[in-house]
PDB file of N, CA and C in Angstrom:
ATOM      1  N   MET A   1      36.729 -88.205  24.374  1.00  0.00           N
ATOM      2  CA  MET A   1      36.325 -87.974  25.434  1.00  0.00           C
ATOM      3  C   MET A   1      37.084 -87.200  26.412  1.00  0.00           C
ATOM      4  N   LYS A   2      38.323 -86.545  25.858  1.00  0.00           N
ATOM      5  CA  LYS A   2      39.229 -85.771  26.865  1.00  0.00           C
ATOM      6  C   LYS A   2      38.531 -84.807  27.077  1.00  0.00           C
ATOM      7  N   TRP A   3      37.835 -84.125  26.224  1.00  0.00           N
ATOM      8  CA  TRP A   3      37.050 -82.945  26.959  1.00  0.00           C
ATOM      9  C   TRP A   3      36.242 -82.982  27.826  1.00  0.00           C
ATOM     10  N   LYS A   4      35.547 -84.028  28.131  1.00  0.00           N
ATOM     11  CA  LYS A   4      34.638 -84.122  28.878  1.00  0.00           C
ATOM     12  C   LYS A   4      35.363 -84.429  30.196  1.00  0.00           C
ATOM     13  N   LYS A   5      36.312 -84.829  30.151  1.00  0.00           N
ATOM     14  CA  LYS A   5      37.432 -85.243  31.575  1.00  0.00           C
ATOM     15  C   LYS A   5      37.782 -83.874  32.048  1.00  0.00           C
ATOM     16  N   GLU A   6      38.276 -82.854  30.803  1.00  0.00           N
ATOM     17  CA  GLU A   6      38.796 -81.455  31.092  1.00  0.00           C
ATOM     18  C   GLU A   6      37.631 -81.041  32.074  1.00  0.00           C
ATOM     19  N   ARG A   7      36.696 -80.867  31.222  1.00  0.00           N
ATOM     20  CA  ARG A   7      35.500 -80.153  31.900  1.00  0.00           C
ATOM     21  C   ARG A   7      34.956 -80.456  33.127  1.00  0.00           C
ATOM     22  N   ASP A   8      34.884 -82.003  33.466  1.00  0.00           N
ATOM     23  CA  ASP A   8      34.614 -82.174  34.592  1.00  0.00           C
ATOM     24  C   ASP A   8      35.504 -82.022  35.837  1.00  0.00           C
ATOM     25  N   LEU A   9      37.042 -81.899  35.501  1.00  0.00           N
ATOM     26  CA  LEU A   9      37.883 -81.395  36.289  1.00  0.00           C
ATOM     27  C   LEU A   9      37.970 -79.745  36.572  1.00  0.00           C
ATOM     28  N   LEU A  10      37.569 -79.175  35.435  1.00  0.00           N
ATOM     29  CA  LEU A  10      37.190 -77.614  35.674  1.00  0.00           C
ATOM     30  C   LEU A  10      36.455 -77.523  36.638  1.00  0.00           C
ATOM     31  N   VAL A  11      35.145 -78.166  36.697  1.00  0.00           N
ATOM     32  CA  VAL A  11      34.100 -77.807  37.523  1.00  0.00           C
ATOM     33  C   VAL A  11      34.209 -78.413  38.754  1.00  0.00           C
ATOM     34  N   ALA A  12      34.964 -79.402  38.968  1.00  0.00           N
ATOM     35  CA  ALA A  12      35.453 -79.797  40.253  1.00  0.00           C
ATOM     36  C   ALA A  12      36.314 -78.809  40.869  1.00  0.00           C
ATOM     37  N   GLU A  13      37.276 -78.233  40.293  1.00  0.00           N
ATOM     38  CA  GLU A  13      38.257 -77.357  40.608  1.00  0.00           C
ATOM     39  C   GLU A  13      37.334 -75.966  41.027  1.00  0.00           C
ATOM     40  N   THR A  14      36.436 -75.345  40.183  1.00  0.00           N
ATOM     41  CA  THR A  14      35.674 -74.242  40.368  1.00  0.00           C
ATOM     42  C   THR A  14      34.711 -74.642  41.656  1.00  0.00           C
ATOM     43  N   MET A  15      34.258 -75.633  42.007  1.00  0.00           N
ATOM     44  CA  MET A  15      33.559 -76.038  43.086  1.00  0.00           C
ATOM     45  C   MET A  15      34.464 -76.231  44.433  1.00  0.00           C
ATOM     46  N   ALA A  16      35.755 -76.576  44.377  1.00  0.00           N
ATOM     47  CA  ALA A  16      36.332 -76.602  45.588  1.00  0.00           C
ATOM     48  C   ALA A  16      36.587 -75.144  45.996  1.00  0.00           C
ATOM     49  N   PHE A  17      37.180 -74.155  44.902  1.00  0.00           N
ATOM     50  CA  PHE A  17      37.315 -72.826  45.221  1.00  0.00           C
ATOM     51  C   PHE A  17      36.265 -72.299  45.755  1.00  0.00           C
ATOM     52  N   VAL A  18      35.313 -72.271  45.285  1.00  0.00           N
ATOM     53  CA  VAL A  18      33.920 -71.835  45.817  1.00  0.00           C
ATOM     54  C   VAL A  18      33.627 -72.130  47.255  1.00  0.00           C
ATOM     55  N   GLN A  19      33.912 -73.408  47.739  1.00  0.00           N
ATOM     56  CA  GLN A  19      33.666 -73.895  49.016  1.00  0.00           C
ATOM     57  C   GLN A  19      35.192 -73.395  49.798  1.00  0.00           C
ATOM     58  N   SER A  20      36.182 -73.214  49.330  1.00  0.00           N
ATOM     59  CA  SER A  20      37.202 -72.488  50.168  1.00  0.00           C
ATOM     60  C   SER A  20      36.994 -71.217  50.401  1.00  0.00           C
ATOM     61  N   VAL A  21      36.415 -70.516  49.416  1.00  0.00           N
ATOM     62  CA  VAL A  21      35.925 -68.803  49.608  1.00  0.00           C
ATOM     63  C   VAL A  21      35.059 -68.748  50.650  1.00  0.00           C
ATOM     64  N   THR A  22      33.907 -69.461  50.364  1.00  0.00           N
ATOM     65  CA  THR A  22      32.613 -69.544  51.095  1.00  0.00           C
ATOM     66  C   THR A  22      32.488 -70.005  52.495  1.00  0.00           C
ATOM     67  N   GLY A  23      33.134 -71.047  52.589  1.00  0.00           N
ATOM     68  CA  GLY A  23      33.193 -72.044  53.592  1.00  0.00           C
ATOM     69  C   GLY A  23      32.346 -73.125  53.737  1.00  0.00           C
ATOM     70  N   ARG A  24      31.541 -73.281  52.784  1.00  0.00           N
ATOM     71  CA  ARG A  24      30.254 -74.119  52.794  1.00  0.00           C
ATOM     72  C   ARG A  24      30.116 -74.956  51.581  1.00  0.00           C
ATOM     73  N   ALA A  25      29.484 -75.761  51.790  1.00  0.00           N
ATOM     74  CA  ALA A  25      28.999 -76.252  50.221  1.00  0.00           C
ATOM     75  C   ALA A  25      28.017 -75.587  49.519  1.00  0.00           C
ATOM     76  N   THR A  26      28.150 -75.373  48.279  1.00  0.00           N
ATOM     77  CA  THR A  26      27.271 -74.434  47.183  1.00  0.00           C
ATOM     78  C   THR A  26      26.044 -75.342  47.160  1.00  0.00           C
ATOM     79  N   ALA A  27      24.959 -74.858  46.458  1.00  0.00           N
ATOM     80  CA  ALA A  27      23.724 -75.310  46.445  1.00  0.00           C
ATOM     81  C   ALA A  27      23.550 -76.435  45.322  1.00  0.00           C
ATOM     82  N   ALA A  28      24.464 -75.794  44.275  1.00  0.00           N
ATOM     83  CA  ALA A  28      24.547 -76.922  43.267  1.00  0.00           C
ATOM     84  C   ALA A  28      25.395 -78.135  43.454  1.00  0.00           C
ATOM     85  N   GLU A  29      26.293 -78.094  44.384  1.00  0.00           N
ATOM     86  CA  GLU A  29      27.117 -79.121  45.001  1.00  0.00           C
ATOM     87  C   GLU A  29      25.861 -80.073  45.892  1.00  0.00           C
ATOM     88  N   ARG A  30      25.335 -79.513  46.529  1.00  0.00           N
ATOM     89  CA  ARG A  30      24.212 -80.303  47.222  1.00  0.00           C
ATOM     90  C   ARG A  30      23.354 -81.024  46.391  1.00  0.00           C
ATOM     91  N   ARG A  31      22.997 -80.511  45.675  1.00  0.00           N
ATOM     92  CA  ARG A  31      22.005 -81.173  44.324  1.00  0.00           C
ATOM     93  C   ARG A  31      22.648 -82.086  43.619  1.00  0.00           C
ATOM     94  N   LEU A  32      23.733 -82.046  43.122  1.00  0.00           N
ATOM     95  CA  LEU A  32      24.353 -82.850  42.338  1.00  0.00           C
ATOM     96  C   LEU A  32      24.533 -84.064  42.782  1.00  0.00           C
ATOM     97  N   GLU A  33      24.508 -85.320  42.078  1.00  0.00           N
ATOM     98  CA  GLU A  33      24.658 -86.659  42.600  1.00  0.00           C
ATOM     99  C   GLU A  33      26.052 -87.222  41.655  1.00  0.00           C
ATOM    100  N   PRO A  34      26.845 -87.988  42.224  1.00  0.00           N
ATOM    101  CA  PRO A  34      28.031 -88.472  41.506  1.00  0.00           C
ATOM    102  C   PRO A  34      27.246 -89.234  40.235  1.00  0.00           C
ATOM    103  N   MET A  35      27.747 -89.170  39.361  1.00  0.00           N
ATOM    104  CA  MET A  35      27.328 -89.770  37.665  1.00  0.00           C
ATOM    105  C   MET A  35      28.004 -90.937  37.751  1.00  0.00           C
ATOM    106  N   PRO A  36      27.467 -92.147  37.326  1.00  0.00           N
ATOM    107  CA  PRO A  36      28.249 -93.356  36.714  1.00  0.00           C
ATOM    108  C   PRO A  36      29.264 -93.096  35.764  1.00  0.00           C
ATOM    109  N   PRO A  37      30.075 -93.947  35.645  1.00  0.00           N
ATOM    110  CA  PRO A  37      31.044 -93.465  34.404  1.00  0.00           C
ATOM    111  C   PRO A  37      30.326 -93.991  32.954  1.00  0.00           C
ATOM    112  N   HIS A  38      30.456 -92.852  32.000  1.00  0.00           N
ATOM    113  CA  HIS A  38      29.652 -93.442  30.707  1.00  0.00           C
ATOM    114  C   HIS A  38      30.096 -94.386  29.962  1.00  0.00           C
ATOM    115  N   ASP A  39      29.300 -95.451  29.840  1.00  0.00           N
ATOM    116  CA  ASP A  39      29.394 -96.716  28.685  1.00  0.00           C
ATOM    117  C   ASP A  39      28.312 -96.408  27.543  1.00  0.00           C
ATOM    118  N   PRO A  40      29.057 -96.061  26.602  1.00  0.00           N
ATOM    119  CA  PRO A  40      27.952 -96.001  25.352  1.00  0.00           C
ATOM    120  C   PRO A  40      27.471 -97.451  25.211  1.00  0.00           C
ATOM    121  N   ALA A  41      28.253 -98.433  25.389  1.00  0.00           N
ATOM    122  CA  ALA A  41      27.589 -99.705  24.969  1.00  0.00           C
ATOM    123  C   ALA A  41      26.388 -99.868  25.566  1.00  0.00           C
ATOM    124  N   LYS A  42      26.105 -99.665  27.252  1.00  0.00           N
ATOM    125  CA  LYS A  42      25.303 -99.886  27.965  1.00  0.00           C
ATOM    126  C   LYS A  42      24.188 -98.797  27.909  1.00  0.00           C
ATOM    127  N   THR A  43      24.575 -97.744  27.486  1.00  0.00           N
ATOM    128  CA  THR A  43      23.445 -96.927  27.716  1.00  0.00           C
ATOM    129  C   THR A  43      22.413 -96.874  26.467  1.00  0.00           C
ATOM    130  N   GLU A  44      21.031 -96.881  26.777  1.00  0.00           N
ATOM    131  CA  GLU A  44      19.989 -96.764  25.813  1.00  0.00           C
ATOM    132  C   GLU A  44      19.416 -95.512  26.192  1.00  0.00           C
ATOM    133  N   ARG A  45      19.264 -94.900  24.848  1.00  0.00           N
ATOM    134  CA  ARG A  45      18.162 -93.619  25.138  1.00  0.00           C
ATOM    135  C   ARG A  45      17.062 -93.793  24.836  1.00  0.00           C
ATOM    136  N   PRO A  46      15.895 -93.360  25.611  1.00  0.00           N
ATOM    137  CA  PRO A  46      14.569 -93.612  25.146  1.00  0.00           C
ATOM    138  C   PRO A  46      14.064 -92.781  24.071  1.00  0.00           C
ATOM    139  N   VAL A  47      13.290 -93.462  23.463  1.00  0.00           N
ATOM    140  CA  VAL A  47      12.989 -92.798  22.017  1.00  0.00           C
ATOM    141  C   VAL A  47      11.641 -92.034  22.438  1.00  0.00           C
ATOM    142  N   GLU A  48      11.427 -90.763  22.305  1.00  0.00           N
ATOM    143  CA  GLU A  48      10.365 -89.885  22.470  1.00  0.00           C
ATOM    144  C   GLU A  48       9.802 -89.501  21.191  1.00  0.00           C
ATOM    145  N   GLU A  49       8.288 -89.841  21.247  1.00  0.00           N
ATOM    146  CA  GLU A  49       7.566 -89.344  20.230  1.00  0.00           C
ATOM    147  C   GLU A  49       7.176 -87.815  20.777  1.00  0.00           C
ATOM    148  N   VAL A  50       7.351 -86.908  19.651  1.00  0.00           N
ATOM    149  CA  VAL A  50       7.054 -85.743  19.965  1.00  0.00           C
ATOM    150  C   VAL A  50       5.862 -85.064  19.184  1.00  0.00           C
ATOM    151  N   ALA A  51       4.642 -84.843  19.638  1.00  0.00           N
ATOM    152  CA  ALA A  51       3.730 -84.521  18.919  1.00  0.00           C
ATOM    153  C   ALA A  51       3.757 -83.170  18.665  1.00  0.00           C
ATOM    154  N   ILE A  52       3.524 -82.524  17.255  1.00  0.00           N
ATOM    155  CA  ILE A  52       3.569 -81.266  16.790  1.00  0.00           C
ATOM    156  C   ILE A  52       2.099 -80.644  16.692  1.00  0.00           C
ATOM    157  N   ALA A  53       1.964 -79.633  17.334  1.00  0.00           N
ATOM    158  CA  ALA A  53       0.825 -78.832  17.668  1.00  0.00           C
ATOM    159  C   ALA A  53       0.717 -77.980  16.365  1.00  0.00           C
ATOM    160  N   ARG A  54      -0.216 -78.277  15.615  1.00  0.00           N
ATOM    161  CA  ARG A  54      -0.501 -77.566  14.293  1.00  0.00           C
ATOM    162  C   ARG A  54      -1.911 -76.890  14.639  1.00  0.00           C
ATOM    163  N   PRO A  55      -1.969 -75.676  14.251  1.00  0.00           N
ATOM    164  CA  PRO A  55      -3.236 -74.706  14.582  1.00  0.00           C
ATOM    165  C   PRO A  55      -4.390 -75.459  13.776  1.00  0.00           C
ATOM    166  N   SER A  56      -5.471 -75.324  14.268  1.00  0.00           N
ATOM    167  CA  SER A  56      -6.607 -75.909  13.440  1.00  0.00           C
ATOM    168  C   SER A  56      -6.929 -74.840  12.270  1.00  0.00           C
ATOM    169  N   PRO A  57      -7.655 -75.239  11.157  1.00  0.00           N
ATOM    170  CA  PRO A  57      -8.065 -74.422   9.835  1.00  0.00           C
ATOM    171  C   PRO A  57      -8.703 -72.954  10.654  1.00  0.00           C
ATOM    172  N   THR A  58      -9.615 -73.484  11.437  1.00  0.00           N
ATOM    173  CA  THR A  58     -10.023 -72.301  11.836  1.00  0.00           C
ATOM    174  C   THR A  58      -9.430 -70.972  12.509  1.00  0.00           C
ATOM    175  N   ARG A  59      -8.336 -71.502  12.896  1.00  0.00           N
ATOM    176  CA  ARG A  59      -7.042 -70.652  13.508  1.00  0.00           C
ATOM    177  C   ARG A  59      -6.645 -69.877  12.509  1.00  0.00           C
ATOM    178  N   TYR A  60      -6.220 -70.726  11.224  1.00  0.00           N
ATOM    179  CA  TYR A  60      -5.872 -70.208  10.500  1.00  0.00           C
ATOM    180  C   TYR A  60      -6.446 -69.028   9.704  1.00  0.00           C
ATOM    181  N   SER A  61      -7.776 -69.191   9.465  1.00  0.00           N
ATOM    182  CA  SER A  61      -8.658 -67.969   9.219  1.00  0.00           C
ATOM    183  C   SER A  61      -8.777 -66.827  10.106  1.00  0.00           C
ATOM    184  N   GLU A  62      -8.446 -67.020  11.580  1.00  0.00           N
ATOM    185  CA  GLU A  62      -8.549 -66.089  12.231  1.00  0.00           C
ATOM    186  C   GLU A  62      -7.348 -65.075  11.992  1.00  0.00           C
ATOM    187  N   LEU A  63      -6.121 -65.718  11.757  1.00  0.00           N
ATOM    188  CA  LEU A  63      -4.986 -65.212  11.569  1.00  0.00           C
ATOM    189  C   LEU A  63      -5.063 -64.494  10.197  1.00  0.00           C
ATOM    190  N   ARG A  64      -5.499 -64.981   9.348  1.00  0.00           N
ATOM    191  CA  ARG A  64      -5.619 -64.499   7.931  1.00  0.00           C
ATOM    192  C   ARG A  64      -6.287 -63.076   8.028  1.00  0.00           C
ATOM    193  N   GLU A  65      -7.603 -63.154   8.504  1.00  0.00           N
ATOM    194  CA  GLU A  65      -8.200 -62.115   9.044  1.00  0.00           C
ATOM    195  C   GLU A  65      -7.827 -61.031   9.553  1.00  0.00           C
ATOM    196  N   GLU A  66      -6.799 -61.430  10.855  1.00  0.00           N
ATOM    197  CA  GLU A  66      -6.286 -60.286  11.684  1.00  0.00           C
ATOM    198  C   GLU A  66      -5.008 -59.555  10.699  1.00  0.00           C
ATOM    199  N   ILE A  67      -4.139 -60.286   9.993  1.00  0.00           N
ATOM    200  CA  ILE A  67      -3.321 -60.056   9.239  1.00  0.00           C
ATOM    201  C   ILE A  67      -4.095 -59.039   7.889  1.00  0.00           C
ATOM    202  N   GLN A  68      -4.972 -59.274   7.446  1.00  0.00           N
ATOM    203  CA  GLN A  68      -5.705 -58.715   6.401  1.00  0.00           C
ATOM    204  C   GLN A  68      -6.216 -57.312   7.046  1.00  0.00           C
ATOM    205  N   GLY A  69      -6.582 -57.239   8.045  1.00  0.00           N
ATOM    206  CA  GLY A  69      -6.973 -56.190   8.952  1.00  0.00           C
ATOM    207  C   GLY A  69      -6.043 -55.059   9.026  1.00  0.00           C
ATOM    208  N   ARG A  70      -4.894 -55.580   9.389  1.00  0.00           N
ATOM    209  CA  ARG A  70      -3.726 -54.895   9.811  1.00  0.00           C
ATOM    210  C   ARG A  70      -3.231 -54.144   8.357  1.00  0.00           C
ATOM    211  N   VAL A  71      -3.232 -54.897   7.577  1.00  0.00           N
ATOM    212  CA  VAL A  71      -2.727 -54.613   6.006  1.00  0.00           C
ATOM    213  C   VAL A  71      -3.572 -53.495   5.580  1.00  0.00           C
ATOM    214  N   ALA A  72      -4.790 -53.401   5.774  1.00  0.00           N
ATOM    215  CA  ALA A  72      -5.733 -52.295   5.252  1.00  0.00           C
ATOM    216  C   ALA A  72      -5.768 -51.239   6.091  1.00  0.00           C
ATOM    217  N   ALA A  73      -5.398 -51.432   7.396  1.00  0.00           N
ATOM    218  CA  ALA A  73      -5.087 -50.262   8.247  1.00  0.00           C
ATOM    219  C   ALA A  73      -3.872 -49.356   7.706  1.00  0.00           C
ATOM    220  N   PHE A  74      -2.924 -50.246   7.640  1.00  0.00           N
ATOM    221  CA  PHE A  74      -1.671 -49.750   7.091  1.00  0.00           C
ATOM    222  C   PHE A  74      -1.727 -49.118   5.755  1.00  0.00           C
ATOM    223  N   ARG A  75      -2.531 -49.612   4.901  1.00  0.00           N
ATOM    224  CA  ARG A  75      -3.002 -49.010   3.590  1.00  0.00           C
ATOM    225  C   ARG A  75      -3.198 -47.594   3.815  1.00  0.00           C
ATOM    226  N   ALA A  76      -4.642 -47.575   4.595  1.00  0.00           N
ATOM    227  CA  ALA A  76      -5.264 -46.290   4.743  1.00  0.00           C
ATOM    228  C   ALA A  76      -4.530 -45.378   5.308  1.00  0.00           C
ATOM    229  N   HIS A  77      -3.528 -45.691   6.373  1.00  0.00           N
ATOM    230  CA  HIS A  77      -2.621 -44.753   7.264  1.00  0.00           C
ATOM    231  C   HIS A  77      -1.734 -44.024   5.853  1.00  0.00           C
ATOM    232  N   GLN A  78      -1.139 -45.018   5.172  1.00  0.00           N
ATOM    233  CA  GLN A  78      -0.383 -44.583   4.030  1.00  0.00           C
ATOM    234  C   GLN A  78      -1.167 -43.547   3.188  1.00  0.00           C
ATOM    235  N   GLU A  79      -2.298 -43.838   2.911  1.00  0.00           N
ATOM    236  CA  GLU A  79      -3.156 -42.882   1.864  1.00  0.00           C
ATOM    237  C   GLU A  79      -3.142 -41.682   2.510  1.00  0.00           C
ATOM    238  N   LEU A  80      -3.709 -41.565   3.778  1.00  0.00           N
ATOM    239  CA  LEU A  80      -3.804 -40.513   4.460  1.00  0.00           C
ATOM    240  C   LEU A  80      -2.080 -39.502   4.556  1.00  0.00           C
ATOM    241  N   PHE A  81      -1.066 -40.126   4.497  1.00  0.00           N
ATOM    242  CA  PHE A  81       0.191 -39.621   4.259  1.00  0.00           C
ATOM    243  C   PHE A  81       0.208 -39.010   2.982  1.00  0.00           C
ATOM    244  N   HIS A  82      -0.014 -39.835   1.763  1.00  0.00           N
ATOM    245  CA  HIS A  82       0.112 -39.439   0.602  1.00  0.00           C
ATOM    246  C   HIS A  82      -0.717 -38.263   0.040  1.00  0.00           C
ATOM    247  N   ARG A  83      -2.351 -38.039   0.784  1.00  0.00           N
ATOM    248  CA  ARG A  83      -3.075 -36.972   0.632  1.00  0.00           C
ATOM    249  C   ARG A  83      -2.355 -35.826   1.215  1.00  0.00           C
ATOM    250  N   ASP A  84      -2.028 -36.061   2.560  1.00  0.00           N
ATOM    251  CA  ASP A  84      -1.282 -34.999   3.251  1.00  0.00           C
ATOM    252  C   ASP A  84      -0.150 -34.174   2.757  1.00  0.00           C
ATOM    253  N   ARG A  85       0.575 -35.198   2.214  1.00  0.00           N
ATOM    254  CA  ARG A  85       1.769 -34.523   1.232  1.00  0.00           C
ATOM    255  C   ARG A  85       1.502 -34.132   0.009  1.00  0.00           C
ATOM    256  N   ASP A  86       0.537 -34.564  -0.649  1.00  0.00           N
ATOM    257  CA  ASP A  86      -0.021 -33.901  -2.100  1.00  0.00           C
ATOM    258  C   ASP A  86      -0.766 -32.646  -1.640  1.00  0.00           C
ATOM    259  N   GLU A  87      -1.458 -32.427  -0.544  1.00  0.00           N
ATOM    260  CA  GLU A  87      -1.964 -31.032  -0.220  1.00  0.00           C
ATOM    261  C   GLU A  87      -0.998 -30.205   0.070  1.00  0.00           C
ATOM    262  N   TYR A  88       0.193 -30.564   1.047  1.00  0.00           N
ATOM    263  CA  TYR A  88       1.181 -29.698   1.088  1.00  0.00           C
ATOM    264  C   TYR A  88       2.073 -29.171   0.081  1.00  0.00           C
ATOM    265  N   TYR A  89       2.213 -29.996  -1.174  1.00  0.00           N
ATOM    266  CA  TYR A  89       2.732 -29.814  -2.202  1.00  0.00           C
ATOM    267  C   TYR A  89       2.223 -28.854  -3.171  1.00  0.00           C
ATOM    268  N   ASN A  90       0.668 -29.086  -3.166  1.00  0.00           N
ATOM    269  CA  ASN A  90       0.167 -28.142  -4.020  1.00  0.00           C
ATOM    270  C   ASN A  90       0.061 -26.581  -3.394  1.00  0.00           C
ATOM    271  N   SER A  91       0.027 -26.618  -2.086  1.00  0.00           N
ATOM    272  CA  SER A  91       0.010 -25.382  -1.439  1.00  0.00           C
ATOM    273  C   SER A  91       1.298 -24.565  -1.669  1.00  0.00           C
ATOM    274  N   VAL A  92       2.357 -25.167  -1.426  1.00  0.00           N
ATOM    275  CA  VAL A  92       3.744 -24.614  -1.427  1.00  0.00           C
ATOM    276  C   VAL A  92       3.904 -24.201  -3.061  1.00  0.00           C
ATOM    277  N   LEU A  93       3.239 -25.155  -3.974  1.00  0.00           N
ATOM    278  CA  LEU A  93       3.625 -24.879  -5.339  1.00  0.00           C
ATOM    279  C   LEU A  93       2.532 -23.593  -5.582  1.00  0.00           C
ATOM    280  N   ALA A  94       1.600 -23.455  -5.188  1.00  0.00           N
ATOM    281  CA  ALA A  94       0.754 -22.325  -5.235  1.00  0.00           C
ATOM    282  C   ALA A  94       1.288 -21.076  -4.815  1.00  0.00           C
ATOM    283  N   LYS A  95       2.165 -21.029  -3.591  1.00  0.00           N
ATOM    284  CA  LYS A  95       2.513 -20.149  -3.289  1.00  0.00           C
ATOM    285  C   LYS A  95       3.617 -19.570  -4.157  1.00  0.00           C
ATOM    286  N   VAL A  96       4.273 -20.335  -4.665  1.00  0.00           N
ATOM    287  CA  VAL A  96       5.529 -19.927  -5.311  1.00  0.00           C
ATOM    288  C   VAL A  96       5.027 -19.540  -6.652  1.00  0.00           C
ATOM    289  N   ARG A  97       4.064 -20.042  -7.296  1.00  0.00           N
ATOM    290  CA  ARG A  97       3.562 -19.566  -8.692  1.00  0.00           C
ATOM    291  C   ARG A  97       2.843 -18.094  -8.521  1.00  0.00           C
ATOM    292  N   ALA A  98       2.203 -18.040  -6.991  1.00  0.00           N
ATOM    293  CA  ALA A  98       1.573 -16.318  -7.028  1.00  0.00           C
ATOM    294  C   ALA A  98       2.854 -15.615  -6.606  1.00  0.00           C
ATOM    295  N   ALA A  99       3.938 -15.874  -6.334  1.00  0.00           N
ATOM    296  CA  ALA A  99       5.073 -15.053  -5.865  1.00  0.00           C
ATOM    297  C   ALA A  99       5.903 -14.860  -7.442  1.00  0.00           C
ATOM    298  N   THR A 100       5.916 -15.755  -8.145  1.00  0.00           N
ATOM    299  CA  THR A 100       6.621 -15.522  -9.458  1.00  0.00           C
ATOM    300  C   THR A 100       5.655 -15.036 -10.825  1.00  0.00           C
ATOM    301  N   ASP A 101       4.508 -15.150 -10.411  1.00  0.00           N
ATOM    302  CA  ASP A 101       3.395 -14.584 -11.454  1.00  0.00           C
ATOM    303  C   ASP A 101       3.480 -13.047 -11.333  1.00  0.00           C
ATOM    304  N   ARG A 102       3.845 -12.461 -10.344  1.00  0.00           N
ATOM    305  CA  ARG A 102       3.396 -11.210 -10.225  1.00  0.00           C
ATOM    306  C   ARG A 102       3.870 -10.170 -11.386  1.00  0.00           C
ATOM    307  N   PRO A 103       3.167  -9.390 -11.715  1.00  0.00           N
ATOM    308  CA  PRO A 103       3.621  -8.743 -12.768  1.00  0.00           C
ATOM    309  C   PRO A 103       4.731  -7.613 -12.228  1.00  0.00           C
ATOM    310  N   SER A 104       5.867  -7.538 -12.950  1.00  0.00           N
ATOM    311  CA  SER A 104       7.077  -7.080 -12.362  1.00  0.00           C
ATOM    312  C   SER A 104       6.853  -5.440 -13.254  1.00  0.00           C
ATOM    313  N   LYS A 105       7.566  -4.429 -12.503  1.00  0.00           N
ATOM    314  CA  LYS A 105       7.373  -2.876 -12.639  1.00  0.00           C
ATOM    315  C   LYS A 105       8.112  -2.700 -13.822  1.00  0.00           C
ATOM    316  N   VAL A 106       9.224  -3.222 -14.070  1.00  0.00           N
ATOM    317  CA  VAL A 106      10.123  -3.340 -15.319  1.00  0.00           C
ATOM    318  C   VAL A 106       9.472  -3.914 -16.547  1.00  0.00           C
ATOM    319  N   ALA A 107       9.636  -2.965 -17.616  1.00  0.00           N
ATOM    320  CA  ALA A 107       8.817  -3.565 -18.976  1.00  0.00           C
ATOM    321  C   ALA A 107       9.669  -4.698 -19.278  1.00  0.00           C
ATOM    322  N   ASP A 108       9.168  -5.922 -20.283  1.00  0.00           N
ATOM    323  CA  ASP A 108       9.629  -6.977 -20.572  1.00  0.00           C
ATOM    324  C   ASP A 108      10.630  -6.659 -21.343  1.00  0.00           C
ATOM    325  N   ASP A 109      10.785  -5.735 -22.192  1.00  0.00           N
ATOM    326  CA  ASP A 109      11.788  -5.781 -23.192  1.00  0.00           C
ATOM    327  C   ASP A 109      13.145  -5.130 -22.868  1.00  0.00           C
ATOM    328  N   GLN A 110      13.209  -4.471 -21.310  1.00  0.00           N
ATOM    329  CA  GLN A 110      14.225  -4.048 -20.911  1.00  0.00           C
ATOM    330  C   GLN A 110      15.055  -4.834 -19.960  1.00  0.00           C
ATOM    331  N   PRO A 111      16.114  -4.833 -19.872  1.00  0.00           N
ATOM    332  CA  PRO A 111      16.861  -5.835 -18.945  1.00  0.00           C
ATOM    333  C   PRO A 111      16.855  -5.105 -17.488  1.00  0.00           C
ATOM    334  N   THR A 112      16.860  -6.280 -16.584  1.00  0.00           N
ATOM    335  CA  THR A 112      16.741  -5.750 -15.316  1.00  0.00           C
ATOM    336  C   THR A 112      18.096  -5.229 -14.826  1.00  0.00           C
ATOM    337  N   LYS A 113      18.200  -4.081 -14.019  1.00  0.00           N
ATOM    338  CA  LYS A 113      19.415  -3.347 -13.802  1.00  0.00           C
ATOM    339  C   LYS A 113      19.718  -3.815 -12.239  1.00  0.00           C
ATOM    340  N   ARG A 114      21.005  -4.355 -12.207  1.00  0.00           N
ATOM    341  CA  ARG A 114      21.128  -4.592 -10.922  1.00  0.00           C
ATOM    342  C   ARG A 114      22.531  -4.090 -10.478  1.00  0.00           C
TER     343      ARG A 114
END
């Protein structure tokens, strides 16, 4: 328990320093009451029962429906992106094919002069 004693001394020193700087008692010091010495043999801790709040089955179904709706909206949004990407790809590919499929003025059997 040495660390507790050191902690209490540090808190006391800090409070004394604050009081010497400000010249008055701090709000925390006014609220604190001296604690009796800690004796583990005499200390009994009350047992608290904590009730765990579980959502009702209807709440689960509402959450499930909300999640399914969000997933469906996400899929629709992704499908829109896929369609836009495919349309853009096809338009660029059509432009490239149109540019490369033009008949050249040079005969096919003659090499191109550079």
